[in-house]
Amino acid sequence: MSETKQSKFAPNADQPGLKSIGRRVRERLSDNPAAYKVPADDIELYAVGDFMTPAECAKMMELIDATARPSVVFDIDYSEGYRTSYSGDVDPYDPFVKKISRRIDDLIGVESEFGETIQGQRYMPGQEFQPHHDWFHPDTSYWEHEMSRGGQRSYTTMVFLNDVEAGGTTDFIDIGISIEPKPGVLLAWNNAKPDGTTNPMTMHAGRPVQQGSKYIITKWYRTKTWT
């Protein structure tokens, strides 16, 4: 019997939560003149410029350098080359990190307890994150664990921290959108469709940096309290 059939969590178990959060964030961002809805029929993707100041970006980059280690992707080993950046969770109790985290919460209007710890990521030349979804797939070794500690990932927020000399775009593979890193710009996207089913069209990749470096932070939100 497969792991999916053994799990107490049905593949669509969080559909009501995904639908509810999606609606709330959609309404909140549509009322925010600073939030630009990226034209796309198949995903809900928003951009907010100047979300972090240059000084805040520089400080966050220092924190990332202090915590960065080879990135992991649940059950995929770093040596396989799927995700070759360095990353680390910045200290959630640091007053500066708490300030940025609360700012993201306030922007999208989701309870702070639903949010994971902010993760910092650093890409050097040649490093990348190959195409992937942020939401959890039922037929994986981590499905049961992740669903029991907060449920499905509803929303992704990401902030670019620096200019990249060449490369390092964030590409949404199936909809043909490529976004160049710009310091202080926040991206936010719904990992589900309006009906609350997970959205395969959110497949995205961090393309290889060709020159310079790329720093970002990411904060994911669940459908329930994250533990």
C-alpha atoms as a PDB file:
ATOM      1  CA  MET A   1       0.000   0.000   0.000  1.00  0.00           C
ATOM      2  CA  SER A   2       1.359   3.443  -0.880  1.00  0.00           C
ATOM      3  CA  GLU A   3       2.256   6.103   1.648  1.00  0.00           C
ATOM      4  CA  THR A   4      -0.543   8.345   0.382  1.00  0.00           C
ATOM      5  CA  LYS A   5      -3.211   5.709   1.136  1.00  0.00           C
ATOM      6  CA  GLN A   6      -1.740   5.078   4.578  1.00  0.00           C
ATOM      7  CA  SER A   7      -1.743   8.749   5.523  1.00  0.00           C
ATOM      8  CA  LYS A   8      -4.478  10.114   7.751  1.00  0.00           C
ATOM      9  CA  PHE A   9      -4.292  13.316   5.708  1.00  0.00           C
ATOM     10  CA  ALA A  10      -6.226  13.205   2.448  1.00  0.00           C
ATOM     11  CA  PRO A  11      -4.579  14.994  -0.504  1.00  0.00           C
ATOM     12  CA  ASN A  12      -7.303  17.670  -0.423  1.00  0.00           C
ATOM     13  CA  ALA A  13      -7.582  17.829   3.367  1.00  0.00           C
ATOM     14  CA  ASP A  14      -6.639  21.512   3.522  1.00  0.00           C
ATOM     15  CA  GLN A  15      -8.764  22.696   0.615  1.00  0.00           C
ATOM     16  CA  PRO A  16     -11.132  24.769   2.821  1.00  0.00           C
ATOM     17  CA  GLY A  17      -8.191  26.461   4.550  1.00  0.00           C
ATOM     18  CA  LEU A  18      -6.413  27.182   1.280  1.00  0.00           C
ATOM     19  CA  LYS A  19      -9.596  28.642  -0.185  1.00  0.00           C
ATOM     20  CA  SER A  20     -10.204  30.829   2.873  1.00  0.00           C
ATOM     21  CA  ILE A  21      -6.670  32.202   3.100  1.00  0.00           C
ATOM     22  CA  GLY A  22      -6.530  32.771  -0.639  1.00  0.00           C
ATOM     23  CA  ARG A  23      -9.708  34.833  -0.501  1.00  0.00           C
ATOM     24  CA  ARG A  24      -8.497  36.894   2.462  1.00  0.00           C
ATOM     25  CA  VAL A  25      -5.128  37.706   0.907  1.00  0.00           C
ATOM     26  CA  ARG A  26      -6.712  38.446  -2.467  1.00  0.00           C
ATOM     27  CA  GLU A  27      -9.054  40.969  -0.892  1.00  0.00           C
ATOM     28  CA  ARG A  28      -6.325  42.565   1.198  1.00  0.00           C
ATOM     29  CA  LEU A  29      -3.811  42.983  -1.623  1.00  0.00           C
ATOM     30  CA  SER A  30      -6.422  44.188  -4.092  1.00  0.00           C
ATOM     31  CA  ASP A  31      -7.155  47.042  -1.668  1.00  0.00           C
ATOM     32  CA  ASN A  32      -3.455  47.933  -1.343  1.00  0.00           C
ATOM     33  CA  PRO A  33      -2.304  50.429  -4.017  1.00  0.00           C
ATOM     34  CA  ALA A  34       1.315  49.397  -3.392  1.00  0.00           C
ATOM     35  CA  ALA A  35       0.605  45.803  -4.435  1.00  0.00           C
ATOM     36  CA  TYR A  36       0.869  45.195  -8.180  1.00  0.00           C
ATOM     37  CA  LYS A  37      -0.928  42.142  -9.536  1.00  0.00           C
ATOM     38  CA  VAL A  38       1.302  40.517 -12.138  1.00  0.00           C
ATOM     39  CA  PRO A  39      -0.760  39.790 -15.270  1.00  0.00           C
ATOM     40  CA  ALA A  40      -1.213  36.017 -15.301  1.00  0.00           C
ATOM     41  CA  ASP A  41      -4.318  33.938 -15.863  1.00  0.00           C
ATOM     42  CA  ASP A  42      -3.191  30.795 -14.068  1.00  0.00           C
ATOM     43  CA  ILE A  43      -1.691  32.018 -10.778  1.00  0.00           C
ATOM     44  CA  GLU A  44      -2.202  34.841  -8.282  1.00  0.00           C
ATOM     45  CA  LEU A  45       1.133  36.665  -8.150  1.00  0.00           C
ATOM     46  CA  TYR A  46       1.777  40.088  -6.615  1.00  0.00           C
ATOM     47  CA  ALA A  47       4.776  42.403  -6.377  1.00  0.00           C
ATOM     48  CA  VAL A  48       5.429  45.186  -3.865  1.00  0.00           C
ATOM     49  CA  GLY A  49       8.310  47.588  -4.484  1.00  0.00           C
ATOM     50  CA  ASP A  50      10.451  49.123  -1.728  1.00  0.00           C
ATOM     51  CA  PHE A  51       9.131  46.660   0.824  1.00  0.00           C
ATOM     52  CA  MET A  52      12.527  46.753   2.568  1.00  0.00           C
ATOM     53  CA  THR A  53      14.943  49.684   2.609  1.00  0.00           C
ATOM     54  CA  PRO A  54      18.539  49.397   1.344  1.00  0.00           C
ATOM     55  CA  ALA A  55      19.790  49.459   4.951  1.00  0.00           C
ATOM     56  CA  GLU A  56      17.381  46.681   5.944  1.00  0.00           C
ATOM     57  CA  CYS A  57      18.433  44.601   2.952  1.00  0.00           C
ATOM     58  CA  ALA A  58      22.108  45.013   3.876  1.00  0.00           C
ATOM     59  CA  LYS A  59      21.464  44.005   7.484  1.00  0.00           C
ATOM     60  CA  MET A  60      19.488  40.942   6.448  1.00  0.00           C
ATOM     61  CA  MET A  61      22.289  39.889   4.107  1.00  0.00           C
ATOM     62  CA  GLU A  62      24.700  39.968   7.044  1.00  0.00           C
ATOM     63  CA  LEU A  63      22.370  37.695   9.023  1.00  0.00           C
ATOM     64  CA  ILE A  64      22.143  35.299   6.089  1.00  0.00           C
ATOM     65  CA  ASP A  65      25.939  35.126   5.811  1.00  0.00           C
ATOM     66  CA  ALA A  66      26.095  34.239   9.506  1.00  0.00           C
ATOM     67  CA  THR A  67      23.632  31.351   9.226  1.00  0.00           C
ATOM     68  CA  ALA A  68      24.011  30.039   5.671  1.00  0.00           C
ATOM     69  CA  ARG A  69      24.742  26.358   5.115  1.00  0.00           C
ATOM     70  CA  PRO A  70      24.104  23.996   2.182  1.00  0.00           C
ATOM     71  CA  SER A  71      20.399  24.108   1.345  1.00  0.00           C
ATOM     72  CA  VAL A  72      18.182  21.072   1.728  1.00  0.00           C
ATOM     73  CA  VAL A  73      14.942  20.039   0.006  1.00  0.00           C
ATOM     74  CA  PHE A  74      13.337  17.642   2.471  1.00  0.00           C
ATOM     75  CA  ASP A  75      14.350  14.216   1.116  1.00  0.00           C
ATOM     76  CA  ILE A  76      16.678  15.370  -1.691  1.00  0.00           C
ATOM     77  CA  ASP A  77      20.391  15.406  -0.921  1.00  0.00           C
ATOM     78  CA  TYR A  78      22.404  18.566  -1.624  1.00  0.00           C
ATOM     79  CA  SER A  79      24.934  16.580  -3.642  1.00  0.00           C
ATOM     80  CA  GLU A  80      22.293  15.845  -6.288  1.00  0.00           C
ATOM     81  CA  GLY A  81      22.477  19.460  -7.442  1.00  0.00           C
ATOM     82  CA  TYR A  82      18.733  20.169  -7.258  1.00  0.00           C
ATOM     83  CA  ARG A  83      19.187  23.094  -4.893  1.00  0.00           C
ATOM     84  CA  THR A  84      22.765  24.329  -4.705  1.00  0.00           C
ATOM     85  CA  SER A  85      22.320  27.577  -2.789  1.00  0.00           C
ATOM     86  CA  TYR A  86      23.243  28.140   0.841  1.00  0.00           C
ATOM     87  CA  SER A  87      20.422  28.954   3.239  1.00  0.00           C
ATOM     88  CA  GLY A  88      19.451  29.174   6.884  1.00  0.00           C
ATOM     89  CA  ASP A  89      16.626  30.267   9.160  1.00  0.00           C
ATOM     90  CA  VAL A  90      17.433  33.677  10.592  1.00  0.00           C
ATOM     91  CA  ASP A  91      16.861  34.098  14.325  1.00  0.00           C
ATOM     92  CA  PRO A  92      13.091  34.593  14.768  1.00  0.00           C
ATOM     93  CA  TYR A  93      13.692  36.258  18.159  1.00  0.00           C
ATOM     94  CA  ASP A  94      16.026  38.917  16.784  1.00  0.00           C
ATOM     95  CA  PRO A  95      14.136  42.258  17.049  1.00  0.00           C
ATOM     96  CA  PHE A  96      15.064  43.207  13.495  1.00  0.00           C
ATOM     97  CA  VAL A  97      13.868  39.878  12.088  1.00  0.00           C
ATOM     98  CA  LYS A  98      10.660  40.120  14.111  1.00  0.00           C
ATOM     99  CA  LYS A  99      10.032  43.570  12.646  1.00  0.00           C
ATOM    100  CA  ILE A 100      10.380  42.335   9.074  1.00  0.00           C
ATOM    101  CA  SER A 101       8.325  39.224   9.798  1.00  0.00           C
ATOM    102  CA  ARG A 102       5.472  41.277  11.269  1.00  0.00           C
ATOM    103  CA  ARG A 103       5.594  43.596   8.271  1.00  0.00           C
ATOM    104  CA  ILE A 104       5.049  40.627   5.954  1.00  0.00           C
ATOM    105  CA  ASP A 105       2.200  39.360   8.164  1.00  0.00           C
ATOM    106  CA  ASP A 106       0.554  42.777   8.035  1.00  0.00           C
ATOM    107  CA  LEU A 107       0.957  43.050   4.276  1.00  0.00           C
ATOM    108  CA  ILE A 108      -0.904  39.852   3.434  1.00  0.00           C
ATOM    109  CA  GLY A 109      -3.134  39.772   6.487  1.00  0.00           C
ATOM    110  CA  VAL A 110      -2.396  36.238   7.684  1.00  0.00           C
ATOM    111  CA  GLU A 111      -1.920  35.424  11.363  1.00  0.00           C
ATOM    112  CA  SER A 112       1.729  35.351  12.435  1.00  0.00           C
ATOM    113  CA  GLU A 113       1.365  31.906  13.972  1.00  0.00           C
ATOM    114  CA  PHE A 114       0.590  30.510  10.518  1.00  0.00           C
ATOM    115  CA  GLY A 115       3.947  31.706   9.214  1.00  0.00           C
ATOM    116  CA  GLU A 116       7.144  29.670   9.161  1.00  0.00           C
ATOM    117  CA  THR A 117      10.441  31.148  10.298  1.00  0.00           C
ATOM    118  CA  ILE A 118      11.974  33.468   7.711  1.00  0.00           C
ATOM    119  CA  GLN A 119      14.585  31.617   5.665  1.00  0.00           C
ATOM    120  CA  GLY A 120      17.534  33.454   4.129  1.00  0.00           C
ATOM    121  CA  GLN A 121      19.096  32.168   0.914  1.00  0.00           C
ATOM    122  CA  ARG A 122      22.376  33.004  -0.809  1.00  0.00           C
ATOM    123  CA  TYR A 123      23.273  32.050  -4.369  1.00  0.00           C
ATOM    124  CA  MET A 124      26.791  32.381  -5.746  1.00  0.00           C
ATOM    125  CA  PRO A 125      27.814  31.931  -9.416  1.00  0.00           C
ATOM    126  CA  GLY A 126      26.489  28.649 -10.792  1.00  0.00           C
ATOM    127  CA  GLN A 127      24.130  28.017  -7.892  1.00  0.00           C
ATOM    128  CA  GLU A 128      20.419  27.507  -8.492  1.00  0.00           C
ATOM    129  CA  PHE A 129      17.147  26.015  -7.291  1.00  0.00           C
ATOM    130  CA  GLN A 130      15.654  23.852 -10.002  1.00  0.00           C
ATOM    131  CA  PRO A 131      11.901  23.910 -10.854  1.00  0.00           C
ATOM    132  CA  HIS A 132       9.728  23.051  -7.865  1.00  0.00           C
ATOM    133  CA  HIS A 133       6.468  23.747  -6.048  1.00  0.00           C
ATOM    134  CA  ASP A 134       6.398  25.237  -2.559  1.00  0.00           C
ATOM    135  CA  TRP A 135       3.281  23.264  -1.626  1.00  0.00           C
ATOM    136  CA  PHE A 136       3.592  19.718  -0.350  1.00  0.00           C
ATOM    137  CA  HIS A 137       2.881  16.721  -2.548  1.00  0.00           C
ATOM    138  CA  PRO A 138       0.977  13.799  -0.983  1.00  0.00           C
ATOM    139  CA  ASP A 139       3.221  11.090  -2.451  1.00  0.00           C
ATOM    140  CA  THR A 140       6.347  12.131  -0.546  1.00  0.00           C
ATOM    141  CA  SER A 141       8.186  10.960   2.547  1.00  0.00           C
ATOM    142  CA  TYR A 142       7.561  14.271   4.350  1.00  0.00           C
ATOM    143  CA  TRP A 143       3.808  14.588   3.663  1.00  0.00           C
ATOM    144  CA  GLU A 144       2.598  13.153   6.966  1.00  0.00           C
ATOM    145  CA  HIS A 145       5.098  15.132   9.042  1.00  0.00           C
ATOM    146  CA  GLU A 146       4.482  18.496   7.396  1.00  0.00           C
ATOM    147  CA  MET A 147       0.717  18.142   7.383  1.00  0.00           C
ATOM    148  CA  SER A 148       0.793  17.402  11.112  1.00  0.00           C
ATOM    149  CA  ARG A 149       2.816  20.533  11.942  1.00  0.00           C
ATOM    150  CA  GLY A 150       0.770  23.220  10.248  1.00  0.00           C
ATOM    151  CA  GLY A 151      -0.809  21.769   7.160  1.00  0.00           C
ATOM    152  CA  GLN A 152      -0.371  22.777   3.546  1.00  0.00           C
ATOM    153  CA  ARG A 153       1.614  25.824   2.463  1.00  0.00           C
ATOM    154  CA  SER A 154      -0.930  28.423   1.446  1.00  0.00           C
ATOM    155  CA  TYR A 155       1.111  31.488   0.507  1.00  0.00           C
ATOM    156  CA  THR A 156       4.730  32.197  -0.374  1.00  0.00           C
ATOM    157  CA  THR A 157       6.373  35.579   0.222  1.00  0.00           C
ATOM    158  CA  MET A 158       9.880  36.354  -1.006  1.00  0.00           C
ATOM    159  CA  VAL A 159      12.010  39.500  -0.875  1.00  0.00           C
ATOM    160  CA  PHE A 160      14.992  40.224  -3.117  1.00  0.00           C
ATOM    161  CA  LEU A 161      17.820  41.842  -1.166  1.00  0.00           C
ATOM    162  CA  ASN A 162      20.401  42.867  -3.784  1.00  0.00           C
ATOM    163  CA  ASP A 163      21.126  43.502  -7.435  1.00  0.00           C
ATOM    164  CA  VAL A 164      22.561  40.524  -9.306  1.00  0.00           C
ATOM    165  CA  GLU A 165      25.135  41.269 -12.004  1.00  0.00           C
ATOM    166  CA  ALA A 166      23.860  38.520 -14.295  1.00  0.00           C
ATOM    167  CA  GLY A 167      21.422  35.627 -13.998  1.00  0.00           C
ATOM    168  CA  GLY A 168      19.527  34.687 -10.869  1.00  0.00           C
ATOM    169  CA  THR A 169      16.029  35.346 -12.153  1.00  0.00           C
ATOM    170  CA  THR A 170      12.979  33.765 -10.556  1.00  0.00           C
ATOM    171  CA  ASP A 171      11.109  32.011 -13.343  1.00  0.00           C
ATOM    172  CA  PHE A 172       7.557  30.701 -13.267  1.00  0.00           C
ATOM    173  CA  ILE A 173       8.084  27.873 -15.684  1.00  0.00           C
ATOM    174  CA  ASP A 174       4.624  27.111 -17.028  1.00  0.00           C
ATOM    175  CA  ILE A 175       3.374  30.672 -17.463  1.00  0.00           C
ATOM    176  CA  GLY A 176       6.466  32.201 -19.044  1.00  0.00           C
ATOM    177  CA  ILE A 177       7.191  34.840 -16.417  1.00  0.00           C
ATOM    178  CA  SER A 178      10.792  35.684 -15.499  1.00  0.00           C
ATOM    179  CA  ILE A 179      11.444  38.169 -12.690  1.00  0.00           C
ATOM    180  CA  GLU A 180      14.784  39.924 -12.317  1.00  0.00           C
ATOM    181  CA  PRO A 181      16.005  40.488  -8.748  1.00  0.00           C
ATOM    182  CA  LYS A 182      15.545  44.069  -7.551  1.00  0.00           C
ATOM    183  CA  PRO A 183      16.539  45.062  -4.006  1.00  0.00           C
ATOM    184  CA  GLY A 184      13.631  45.486  -1.616  1.00  0.00           C
ATOM    185  CA  VAL A 185      10.975  44.038  -3.934  1.00  0.00           C
ATOM    186  CA  LEU A 186       8.606  41.515  -2.379  1.00  0.00           C
ATOM    187  CA  LEU A 187       6.833  38.813  -4.359  1.00  0.00           C
ATOM    188  CA  ALA A 188       3.792  37.008  -2.977  1.00  0.00           C
ATOM    189  CA  TRP A 189       1.875  34.185  -4.592  1.00  0.00           C
ATOM    190  CA  ASN A 190      -0.982  31.882  -3.787  1.00  0.00           C
ATOM    191  CA  ASN A 191       0.068  28.229  -3.874  1.00  0.00           C
ATOM    192  CA  ALA A 192      -3.535  27.236  -4.522  1.00  0.00           C
ATOM    193  CA  LYS A 193      -6.289  28.005  -6.992  1.00  0.00           C
ATOM    194  CA  PRO A 194      -9.293  30.088  -5.898  1.00  0.00           C
ATOM    195  CA  ASP A 195     -11.200  26.863  -5.145  1.00  0.00           C
ATOM    196  CA  GLY A 196      -8.509  25.803  -2.656  1.00  0.00           C
ATOM    197  CA  THR A 197      -6.894  23.031  -4.672  1.00  0.00           C
ATOM    198  CA  THR A 198      -3.108  23.180  -4.961  1.00  0.00           C
ATOM    199  CA  ASN A 199      -1.965  24.900  -8.133  1.00  0.00           C
ATOM    200  CA  PRO A 200       0.544  23.063 -10.363  1.00  0.00           C
ATOM    201  CA  MET A 201       1.079  26.260 -12.367  1.00  0.00           C
ATOM    202  CA  THR A 202       3.066  27.732  -9.460  1.00  0.00           C
ATOM    203  CA  MET A 203       6.086  25.693 -10.571  1.00  0.00           C
ATOM    204  CA  HIS A 204       9.087  28.047 -10.310  1.00  0.00           C
ATOM    205  CA  ALA A 205      12.874  28.043 -10.294  1.00  0.00           C
ATOM    206  CA  GLY A 206      15.754  30.139  -9.046  1.00  0.00           C
ATOM    207  CA  ARG A 207      17.904  30.297 -12.165  1.00  0.00           C
ATOM    208  CA  PRO A 208      21.701  30.029 -11.862  1.00  0.00           C
ATOM    209  CA  VAL A 209      23.569  33.174 -10.917  1.00  0.00           C
ATOM    210  CA  GLN A 210      26.041  33.970 -13.676  1.00  0.00           C
ATOM    211  CA  GLN A 211      27.889  36.886 -12.091  1.00  0.00           C
ATOM    212  CA  GLY A 212      27.807  38.342  -8.599  1.00  0.00           C
ATOM    213  CA  SER A 213      25.575  36.933  -5.876  1.00  0.00           C
ATOM    214  CA  LYS A 214      21.899  36.760  -5.057  1.00  0.00           C
ATOM    215  CA  TYR A 215      20.342  37.132  -1.609  1.00  0.00           C
ATOM    216  CA  ILE A 216      16.678  36.619  -0.798  1.00  0.00           C
ATOM    217  CA  ILE A 217      14.444  35.865   2.164  1.00  0.00           C
ATOM    218  CA  THR A 218      11.390  33.630   2.019  1.00  0.00           C
ATOM    219  CA  LYS A 219       8.496  33.222   4.412  1.00  0.00           C
ATOM    220  CA  TRP A 220       5.882  30.546   3.843  1.00  0.00           C
ATOM    221  CA  TYR A 221       2.435  30.459   5.400  1.00  0.00           C
ATOM    222  CA  ARG A 222       0.467  27.338   6.327  1.00  0.00           C
ATOM    223  CA  THR A 223      -3.268  26.716   6.668  1.00  0.00           C
ATOM    224  CA  LYS A 224      -2.995  26.249  10.438  1.00  0.00           C
ATOM    225  CA  THR A 225      -0.641  27.156  13.273  1.00  0.00           C
ATOM    226  CA  TRP A 226       2.890  26.161  12.327  1.00  0.00           C
ATOM    227  CA  THR A 227       4.865  24.269  14.970  1.00  0.00           C
END
